[in-house]
N, C-alpha and C. Protein backbone atom coordinates (compact mmCIF):
# COMPACT_ATOMS: atom_id res chain seq x y z
N MET A 1 154.26 140.50 70.31
CA MET A 1 154.58 139.15 69.89
C MET A 1 153.34 138.28 70.08
N THR A 2 152.93 137.60 69.03
CA THR A 2 151.77 136.72 69.08
C THR A 2 152.24 135.30 69.33
N MET A 3 151.57 134.68 70.28
CA MET A 3 151.95 133.32 70.64
C MET A 3 150.84 132.37 70.21
N THR A 4 151.17 131.35 69.47
CA THR A 4 150.19 130.38 69.02
C THR A 4 150.35 129.10 69.83
N LEU A 5 149.24 128.66 70.40
CA LEU A 5 149.26 127.42 71.16
C LEU A 5 148.68 126.31 70.31
N GLU A 6 149.37 125.23 70.24
CA GLU A 6 148.86 124.08 69.50
C GLU A 6 148.11 123.17 70.44
N ALA A 7 146.99 122.68 69.94
CA ALA A 7 146.20 121.75 70.75
C ALA A 7 146.94 120.44 70.87
N PRO A 8 146.91 119.83 72.04
CA PRO A 8 147.57 118.53 72.20
C PRO A 8 146.85 117.48 71.37
N VAL A 9 147.60 116.60 70.80
CA VAL A 9 147.03 115.52 70.00
C VAL A 9 147.07 114.25 70.84
N PRO A 10 145.89 113.66 71.09
CA PRO A 10 145.90 112.44 71.90
C PRO A 10 146.56 111.28 71.15
N VAL A 11 147.22 110.44 71.88
CA VAL A 11 147.85 109.27 71.30
C VAL A 11 147.07 108.05 71.80
N PHE A 12 146.48 107.36 70.86
CA PHE A 12 145.73 106.16 71.20
C PHE A 12 146.56 104.95 70.82
N GLU A 13 146.68 104.06 71.75
CA GLU A 13 147.51 102.89 71.52
C GLU A 13 146.71 101.81 70.81
N ASP A 14 147.40 100.80 70.36
CA ASP A 14 146.76 99.70 69.64
C ASP A 14 145.79 98.94 70.53
N GLU A 15 144.85 98.26 69.87
CA GLU A 15 143.87 97.43 70.58
C GLU A 15 144.60 96.40 71.45
N GLY A 16 144.05 96.17 72.62
CA GLY A 16 144.66 95.18 73.51
C GLY A 16 145.83 95.76 74.29
N SER A 17 145.95 97.09 74.29
CA SER A 17 147.09 97.72 74.95
C SER A 17 146.88 97.94 76.44
N GLY A 18 145.76 97.49 76.95
CA GLY A 18 145.50 97.68 78.37
C GLY A 18 144.67 98.90 78.68
N ARG A 19 144.12 99.55 77.67
CA ARG A 19 143.25 100.70 77.93
C ARG A 19 142.04 100.24 78.72
N LYS A 20 141.59 101.11 79.61
CA LYS A 20 140.48 100.78 80.50
C LYS A 20 139.57 101.98 80.64
N LEU A 21 138.27 101.72 80.71
CA LEU A 21 137.29 102.77 80.92
C LEU A 21 136.40 102.38 82.09
N ALA A 22 136.23 103.32 83.02
CA ALA A 22 135.34 103.13 84.17
C ALA A 22 134.25 104.19 84.07
N ILE A 23 133.00 103.75 84.03
CA ILE A 23 131.87 104.67 83.94
C ILE A 23 131.05 104.54 85.22
N ILE A 24 130.88 105.65 85.92
CA ILE A 24 130.08 105.66 87.13
C ILE A 24 128.70 106.20 86.77
N CYS A 25 127.70 105.36 86.91
CA CYS A 25 126.32 105.72 86.55
C CYS A 25 125.57 106.05 87.84
N SER A 26 125.29 107.35 88.05
CA SER A 26 124.70 107.79 89.32
C SER A 26 123.25 108.27 89.18
N LYS A 27 122.74 108.29 87.96
CA LYS A 27 121.39 108.79 87.74
C LYS A 27 120.57 107.76 86.99
N GLY A 28 119.31 107.60 87.39
CA GLY A 28 118.50 106.54 86.82
C GLY A 28 117.33 106.99 85.97
N SER A 29 117.37 108.21 85.47
CA SER A 29 116.31 108.63 84.57
C SER A 29 116.62 108.11 83.16
N LEU A 30 115.61 108.06 82.32
CA LEU A 30 115.79 107.51 80.97
C LEU A 30 116.87 108.26 80.20
N ASP A 31 116.88 109.58 80.29
CA ASP A 31 117.86 110.37 79.55
C ASP A 31 119.28 110.26 80.11
N MET A 32 119.42 109.81 81.36
CA MET A 32 120.74 109.68 81.94
C MET A 32 121.26 108.23 81.91
N ALA A 33 120.40 107.29 81.59
CA ALA A 33 120.82 105.88 81.50
C ALA A 33 121.60 105.62 80.21
N TYR A 34 121.15 106.21 79.13
CA TYR A 34 121.75 105.90 77.84
C TYR A 34 123.19 106.40 77.64
N PRO A 35 123.57 107.59 78.10
CA PRO A 35 124.95 108.03 77.84
C PRO A 35 126.02 107.03 78.30
N GLY A 36 125.88 106.49 79.50
CA GLY A 36 126.85 105.52 79.99
C GLY A 36 126.89 104.26 79.16
N MET A 37 125.71 103.80 78.76
CA MET A 37 125.66 102.57 77.97
C MET A 37 126.20 102.78 76.55
N VAL A 38 125.91 103.94 75.97
CA VAL A 38 126.44 104.24 74.64
C VAL A 38 127.97 104.32 74.69
N LEU A 39 128.51 105.00 75.70
CA LEU A 39 129.96 105.09 75.83
C LEU A 39 130.59 103.72 76.07
N ALA A 40 129.96 102.92 76.92
CA ALA A 40 130.48 101.57 77.19
C ALA A 40 130.50 100.74 75.92
N ASN A 41 129.42 100.79 75.17
CA ASN A 41 129.32 100.02 73.92
C ASN A 41 130.39 100.47 72.93
N ALA A 42 130.59 101.78 72.81
CA ALA A 42 131.61 102.30 71.90
C ALA A 42 133.01 101.85 72.33
N ALA A 43 133.29 101.93 73.63
CA ALA A 43 134.60 101.52 74.14
C ALA A 43 134.84 100.04 73.88
N LEU A 44 133.83 99.22 74.14
CA LEU A 44 133.98 97.78 73.90
C LEU A 44 134.23 97.50 72.43
N GLY A 45 133.59 98.27 71.56
CA GLY A 45 133.81 98.12 70.12
C GLY A 45 135.24 98.45 69.71
N GLU A 46 135.92 99.24 70.52
CA GLU A 46 137.32 99.60 70.27
C GLU A 46 138.28 98.68 71.01
N GLY A 47 137.74 97.67 71.68
CA GLY A 47 138.59 96.72 72.39
C GLY A 47 139.07 97.21 73.76
N ILE A 48 138.36 98.18 74.33
CA ILE A 48 138.76 98.76 75.61
C ILE A 48 138.05 98.03 76.75
N GLU A 49 138.79 97.62 77.75
CA GLU A 49 138.20 97.00 78.93
C GLU A 49 137.27 98.02 79.58
N THR A 50 136.02 97.62 79.85
CA THR A 50 135.01 98.57 80.31
C THR A 50 134.28 98.08 81.54
N HIS A 51 134.17 98.96 82.54
CA HIS A 51 133.48 98.66 83.80
C HIS A 51 132.45 99.76 84.05
N LEU A 52 131.21 99.37 84.35
CA LEU A 52 130.17 100.31 84.75
C LEU A 52 129.85 100.07 86.22
N PHE A 53 129.83 101.16 86.99
CA PHE A 53 129.57 101.11 88.43
C PHE A 53 128.29 101.89 88.68
N PHE A 54 127.26 101.22 89.17
CA PHE A 54 125.95 101.82 89.38
C PHE A 54 125.81 102.19 90.85
N THR A 55 125.55 103.47 91.10
CA THR A 55 125.45 103.98 92.46
C THR A 55 124.27 104.94 92.58
N PHE A 56 123.80 105.13 93.76
CA PHE A 56 122.65 105.99 94.07
C PHE A 56 121.51 105.72 93.09
N TRP A 57 120.99 106.76 92.43
CA TRP A 57 119.80 106.55 91.58
C TRP A 57 120.14 105.77 90.32
N GLY A 58 121.40 105.61 90.01
CA GLY A 58 121.81 104.78 88.88
C GLY A 58 121.41 103.33 89.07
N PHE A 59 121.10 102.97 90.32
CA PHE A 59 120.63 101.61 90.63
C PHE A 59 119.35 101.28 89.86
N ASP A 60 118.55 102.30 89.54
CA ASP A 60 117.32 102.04 88.79
C ASP A 60 117.60 101.38 87.44
N ILE A 61 118.78 101.60 86.90
CA ILE A 61 119.16 101.03 85.60
C ILE A 61 119.36 99.52 85.71
N ILE A 62 119.78 99.03 86.87
CA ILE A 62 120.05 97.59 87.03
C ILE A 62 119.10 96.90 87.99
N ASN A 63 118.13 97.64 88.52
CA ASN A 63 117.13 97.06 89.42
C ASN A 63 116.06 96.39 88.55
N LYS A 64 115.86 95.09 88.72
CA LYS A 64 114.89 94.35 87.90
C LYS A 64 113.52 95.01 87.91
N GLU A 65 113.15 95.60 89.05
CA GLU A 65 111.83 96.19 89.20
C GLU A 65 111.66 97.51 88.44
N THR A 66 112.74 98.24 88.24
CA THR A 66 112.64 99.58 87.64
C THR A 66 113.28 99.72 86.27
N MET A 67 114.19 98.83 85.90
CA MET A 67 115.01 99.02 84.70
C MET A 67 114.22 99.17 83.40
N SER A 68 113.06 98.59 83.31
CA SER A 68 112.25 98.68 82.08
C SER A 68 111.26 99.83 82.14
N HIS A 69 111.27 100.59 83.23
CA HIS A 69 110.27 101.64 83.42
C HIS A 69 110.89 102.99 83.73
N LEU A 70 112.11 103.23 83.29
CA LEU A 70 112.76 104.51 83.56
C LEU A 70 111.97 105.63 82.88
N GLN A 71 111.96 106.79 83.49
CA GLN A 71 111.20 107.91 82.94
C GLN A 71 112.10 109.10 82.66
N PHE A 72 111.56 110.01 81.87
CA PHE A 72 112.23 111.26 81.56
C PHE A 72 111.28 112.39 81.94
N THR A 73 111.78 113.32 82.73
CA THR A 73 110.96 114.47 83.09
C THR A 73 111.58 115.75 82.52
N PRO A 74 110.78 116.55 81.86
CA PRO A 74 111.30 117.81 81.32
C PRO A 74 111.43 118.90 82.40
N LEU A 75 110.82 118.69 83.56
CA LEU A 75 110.81 119.68 84.62
C LEU A 75 112.23 120.03 85.05
N GLY A 76 112.57 121.29 84.95
CA GLY A 76 113.90 121.75 85.36
C GLY A 76 114.99 121.46 84.35
N ASN A 77 114.63 120.99 83.18
CA ASN A 77 115.62 120.67 82.16
C ASN A 77 115.44 121.64 80.99
N PRO A 78 116.22 122.73 80.95
CA PRO A 78 116.05 123.73 79.90
C PRO A 78 116.38 123.21 78.50
N ALA A 79 117.08 122.11 78.42
CA ALA A 79 117.44 121.55 77.12
C ALA A 79 116.24 120.96 76.38
N THR A 80 115.10 120.83 77.06
CA THR A 80 113.92 120.31 76.38
C THR A 80 113.28 121.35 75.48
N HIS A 81 113.65 122.61 75.65
CA HIS A 81 113.14 123.72 74.84
C HIS A 81 111.62 123.84 74.92
N MET A 82 111.07 123.50 76.07
CA MET A 82 109.63 123.64 76.31
C MET A 82 109.41 124.87 77.18
N PRO A 83 108.29 125.55 76.97
CA PRO A 83 107.97 126.67 77.87
C PRO A 83 107.86 126.16 79.31
N PRO A 84 108.50 126.85 80.26
CA PRO A 84 108.51 126.39 81.65
C PRO A 84 107.13 126.11 82.22
N MET A 85 106.12 126.86 81.79
CA MET A 85 104.79 126.64 82.37
C MET A 85 104.19 125.31 81.93
N LEU A 86 104.72 124.70 80.87
CA LEU A 86 104.21 123.40 80.43
C LEU A 86 104.90 122.23 81.14
N MET A 87 106.16 122.44 81.54
CA MET A 87 106.96 121.35 82.09
C MET A 87 106.36 120.69 83.32
N GLY A 88 105.71 121.45 84.17
CA GLY A 88 105.18 120.90 85.42
C GLY A 88 103.73 120.46 85.35
N LEU A 89 103.14 120.52 84.17
CA LEU A 89 101.73 120.11 84.04
C LEU A 89 101.57 118.62 84.31
N PRO A 90 100.46 118.22 84.89
CA PRO A 90 100.21 116.80 85.11
C PRO A 90 100.27 116.04 83.77
N GLY A 91 100.93 114.91 83.80
CA GLY A 91 101.04 114.07 82.60
C GLY A 91 102.24 114.38 81.71
N MET A 92 102.97 115.46 82.00
CA MET A 92 104.11 115.82 81.14
C MET A 92 105.24 114.80 81.22
N THR A 93 105.49 114.23 82.41
CA THR A 93 106.53 113.22 82.52
C THR A 93 106.18 112.00 81.67
N SER A 94 104.93 111.55 81.73
CA SER A 94 104.50 110.40 80.92
C SER A 94 104.61 110.71 79.44
N PHE A 95 104.18 111.92 79.06
CA PHE A 95 104.24 112.32 77.66
C PHE A 95 105.70 112.40 77.18
N ALA A 96 106.56 113.06 77.97
CA ALA A 96 107.96 113.21 77.60
C ALA A 96 108.66 111.85 77.53
N THR A 97 108.34 110.97 78.46
CA THR A 97 108.91 109.62 78.46
C THR A 97 108.49 108.87 77.21
N HIS A 98 107.21 108.93 76.89
CA HIS A 98 106.69 108.26 75.68
C HIS A 98 107.40 108.78 74.43
N MET A 99 107.54 110.09 74.33
CA MET A 99 108.19 110.68 73.15
C MET A 99 109.66 110.27 73.07
N MET A 100 110.35 110.28 74.21
CA MET A 100 111.77 109.90 74.19
C MET A 100 111.92 108.42 73.81
N ARG A 101 111.09 107.56 74.37
CA ARG A 101 111.15 106.13 74.01
C ARG A 101 110.91 105.93 72.52
N LYS A 102 109.97 106.68 71.98
CA LYS A 102 109.65 106.60 70.55
C LYS A 102 110.85 107.03 69.70
N GLN A 103 111.52 108.10 70.12
CA GLN A 103 112.70 108.58 69.41
C GLN A 103 113.84 107.56 69.49
N ILE A 104 114.05 106.99 70.67
CA ILE A 104 115.11 105.99 70.86
C ILE A 104 114.84 104.78 69.97
N GLU A 105 113.60 104.33 69.99
CA GLU A 105 113.20 103.19 69.17
C GLU A 105 113.37 103.51 67.68
N GLY A 106 113.06 104.76 67.30
CA GLY A 106 113.15 105.19 65.90
C GLY A 106 114.55 105.17 65.34
N ILE A 107 115.56 105.26 66.18
CA ILE A 107 116.94 105.20 65.68
C ILE A 107 117.57 103.84 65.99
N ASP A 108 116.72 102.88 66.31
CA ASP A 108 117.14 101.49 66.48
C ASP A 108 118.11 101.26 67.64
N VAL A 109 117.92 102.01 68.72
CA VAL A 109 118.72 101.81 69.93
C VAL A 109 117.92 100.88 70.83
N PRO A 110 118.55 99.86 71.39
CA PRO A 110 117.82 98.90 72.22
C PRO A 110 117.33 99.49 73.54
N ASP A 111 116.35 98.82 74.14
CA ASP A 111 115.88 99.24 75.46
C ASP A 111 116.96 98.89 76.50
N ILE A 112 116.75 99.30 77.73
CA ILE A 112 117.77 99.17 78.78
C ILE A 112 118.23 97.72 78.99
N PRO A 113 117.33 96.77 79.25
CA PRO A 113 117.80 95.39 79.48
C PRO A 113 118.58 94.82 78.28
N GLU A 114 118.11 95.09 77.08
CA GLU A 114 118.80 94.57 75.89
C GLU A 114 120.17 95.23 75.72
N PHE A 115 120.25 96.52 76.02
CA PHE A 115 121.53 97.23 75.91
C PHE A 115 122.53 96.67 76.93
N LEU A 116 122.08 96.43 78.16
CA LEU A 116 122.97 95.84 79.16
C LEU A 116 123.44 94.45 78.73
N GLU A 117 122.55 93.70 78.11
CA GLU A 117 122.93 92.38 77.60
C GLU A 117 123.99 92.50 76.51
N MET A 118 123.82 93.46 75.60
CA MET A 118 124.82 93.69 74.55
C MET A 118 126.18 94.03 75.15
N ILE A 119 126.16 94.88 76.17
CA ILE A 119 127.42 95.30 76.82
C ILE A 119 128.12 94.11 77.46
N THR A 120 127.37 93.30 78.19
CA THR A 120 128.01 92.16 78.86
C THR A 120 128.40 91.08 77.85
N ASP A 121 127.62 90.90 76.79
CA ASP A 121 127.99 89.95 75.73
C ASP A 121 129.31 90.36 75.06
N SER A 122 129.58 91.66 75.05
CA SER A 122 130.81 92.18 74.44
C SER A 122 131.98 92.22 75.42
N GLY A 123 131.76 91.75 76.66
CA GLY A 123 132.85 91.70 77.63
C GLY A 123 132.83 92.80 78.66
N GLY A 124 131.79 93.65 78.65
CA GLY A 124 131.69 94.71 79.64
C GLY A 124 131.34 94.16 81.02
N HIS A 125 131.72 94.88 82.04
CA HIS A 125 131.50 94.46 83.43
C HIS A 125 130.54 95.42 84.11
N LEU A 126 129.55 94.86 84.82
CA LEU A 126 128.57 95.65 85.55
C LEU A 126 128.77 95.42 87.04
N TRP A 127 128.86 96.52 87.81
CA TRP A 127 129.08 96.44 89.24
C TRP A 127 128.06 97.31 89.97
N ALA A 128 127.60 96.87 91.11
CA ALA A 128 126.67 97.62 91.94
C ALA A 128 127.40 98.12 93.18
N CYS A 129 127.07 99.32 93.61
CA CYS A 129 127.68 99.95 94.78
C CYS A 129 127.09 99.38 96.07
N LYS A 130 127.93 98.92 96.95
CA LYS A 130 127.49 98.32 98.21
C LYS A 130 126.74 99.32 99.08
N MET A 131 127.27 100.52 99.23
CA MET A 131 126.60 101.50 100.08
C MET A 131 125.18 101.80 99.56
N SER A 132 125.04 101.94 98.24
CA SER A 132 123.73 102.20 97.66
C SER A 132 122.80 101.01 97.84
N ALA A 133 123.33 99.81 97.67
CA ALA A 133 122.51 98.60 97.88
C ALA A 133 122.02 98.54 99.32
N ASP A 134 122.90 98.85 100.25
CA ASP A 134 122.52 98.85 101.66
C ASP A 134 121.46 99.92 101.94
N MET A 135 121.65 101.11 101.41
CA MET A 135 120.69 102.20 101.63
C MET A 135 119.30 101.86 101.09
N MET A 136 119.30 101.19 99.94
CA MET A 136 118.03 100.89 99.27
C MET A 136 117.49 99.50 99.62
N HIS A 137 118.19 98.82 100.51
CA HIS A 137 117.79 97.48 100.96
C HIS A 137 117.62 96.52 99.77
N LEU A 138 118.61 96.54 98.87
CA LEU A 138 118.58 95.67 97.70
C LEU A 138 119.62 94.57 97.85
N GLU A 139 119.25 93.40 97.39
CA GLU A 139 120.10 92.21 97.42
C GLU A 139 120.47 91.84 95.99
N PRO A 140 121.47 90.97 95.81
CA PRO A 140 121.85 90.56 94.45
C PRO A 140 120.68 90.04 93.62
N GLU A 141 119.73 89.34 94.24
CA GLU A 141 118.60 88.81 93.48
C GLU A 141 117.64 89.89 93.00
N ASP A 142 117.76 91.12 93.52
CA ASP A 142 116.94 92.25 93.07
C ASP A 142 117.51 92.90 91.81
N LEU A 143 118.74 92.55 91.49
CA LEU A 143 119.45 93.22 90.40
C LEU A 143 119.47 92.40 89.12
N TYR A 144 119.69 93.09 88.03
CA TYR A 144 119.85 92.46 86.72
C TYR A 144 120.86 91.32 86.87
N GLU A 145 120.53 90.18 86.31
CA GLU A 145 121.32 88.96 86.57
C GLU A 145 122.78 89.02 86.10
N ARG A 146 123.12 89.96 85.23
CA ARG A 146 124.50 90.03 84.74
C ARG A 146 125.38 90.99 85.54
N VAL A 147 124.84 91.56 86.60
CA VAL A 147 125.67 92.37 87.50
C VAL A 147 126.62 91.39 88.18
N GLU A 148 127.91 91.66 88.10
CA GLU A 148 128.91 90.72 88.60
C GLU A 148 129.01 90.69 90.12
N GLY A 149 128.64 91.79 90.76
CA GLY A 149 128.73 91.80 92.20
C GLY A 149 128.36 93.15 92.78
N ILE A 150 128.10 93.12 94.06
CA ILE A 150 127.88 94.34 94.83
C ILE A 150 129.19 94.60 95.55
N ILE A 151 129.85 95.70 95.18
CA ILE A 151 131.19 95.97 95.70
C ILE A 151 131.27 97.37 96.32
N SER A 152 132.26 97.56 97.16
CA SER A 152 132.45 98.87 97.80
C SER A 152 133.10 99.83 96.80
N ALA A 153 133.02 101.11 97.13
CA ALA A 153 133.68 102.12 96.30
C ALA A 153 135.19 101.85 96.25
N SER A 154 135.77 101.41 97.36
CA SER A 154 137.20 101.09 97.39
C SER A 154 137.53 99.95 96.44
N ASP A 155 136.66 98.93 96.41
CA ASP A 155 136.86 97.81 95.48
C ASP A 155 136.83 98.30 94.04
N PHE A 156 135.88 99.20 93.74
CA PHE A 156 135.77 99.71 92.37
C PHE A 156 137.00 100.53 92.00
N ILE A 157 137.48 101.33 92.94
CA ILE A 157 138.69 102.13 92.68
C ILE A 157 139.86 101.20 92.37
N GLU A 158 139.96 100.12 93.11
CA GLU A 158 141.05 99.16 92.89
C GLU A 158 140.94 98.48 91.53
N LEU A 159 139.73 98.01 91.17
CA LEU A 159 139.61 97.28 89.91
C LEU A 159 139.68 98.21 88.70
N SER A 160 139.44 99.50 88.91
CA SER A 160 139.50 100.44 87.79
C SER A 160 140.82 101.23 87.75
N GLU A 161 141.80 100.74 88.50
CA GLU A 161 143.10 101.42 88.53
C GLU A 161 143.63 101.62 87.11
N GLY A 162 144.04 102.84 86.83
CA GLY A 162 144.60 103.17 85.51
C GLY A 162 143.55 103.44 84.45
N ALA A 163 142.29 103.39 84.81
CA ALA A 163 141.22 103.60 83.84
C ALA A 163 140.91 105.09 83.65
N GLN A 164 140.45 105.40 82.47
CA GLN A 164 139.83 106.71 82.24
C GLN A 164 138.47 106.60 82.93
N THR A 165 138.11 107.58 83.75
CA THR A 165 136.87 107.52 84.50
C THR A 165 135.91 108.60 84.06
N ILE A 166 134.66 108.20 83.84
CA ILE A 166 133.60 109.12 83.45
C ILE A 166 132.49 109.00 84.47
N PHE A 167 132.04 110.14 84.99
CA PHE A 167 130.97 110.19 85.97
C PHE A 167 129.71 110.75 85.32
N ILE A 168 128.65 109.96 85.35
CA ILE A 168 127.38 110.40 84.75
C ILE A 168 126.31 110.41 85.82
């Protein structure tokens, strides 16, 4: 007897139905900054309440000092399709970062500060992790001005209750 399983079909409710998305941004490299922002922007375009929580190295995305200088390193990343002996050569991180920035610019995707501005202009919420801020000795004035607050993980769990959560 052959059994056929049907894939479940997701049911998406109408706009304004209370859907919520929580994105935890834990990595601050150039290639890891964009996925969270792209997802947030897409969700906001669908009318979904969206919260981004920046923790650990994800702080580089909202740190005024680092946000415009994120880098991409091919070292240890097999998806770059580069021969391993080239990945660790001096200057490869600068070269890879330059190439990635050029590609991002070529498809008309904004840089990090402009993307964060678009997200907040569309109603997205930016939150910084208190434990990470304490570890890195960062204060609110060190962060991108549209970060709404430095909150604990418990606070974020409370405000994102019922949200679909994505960890990046």
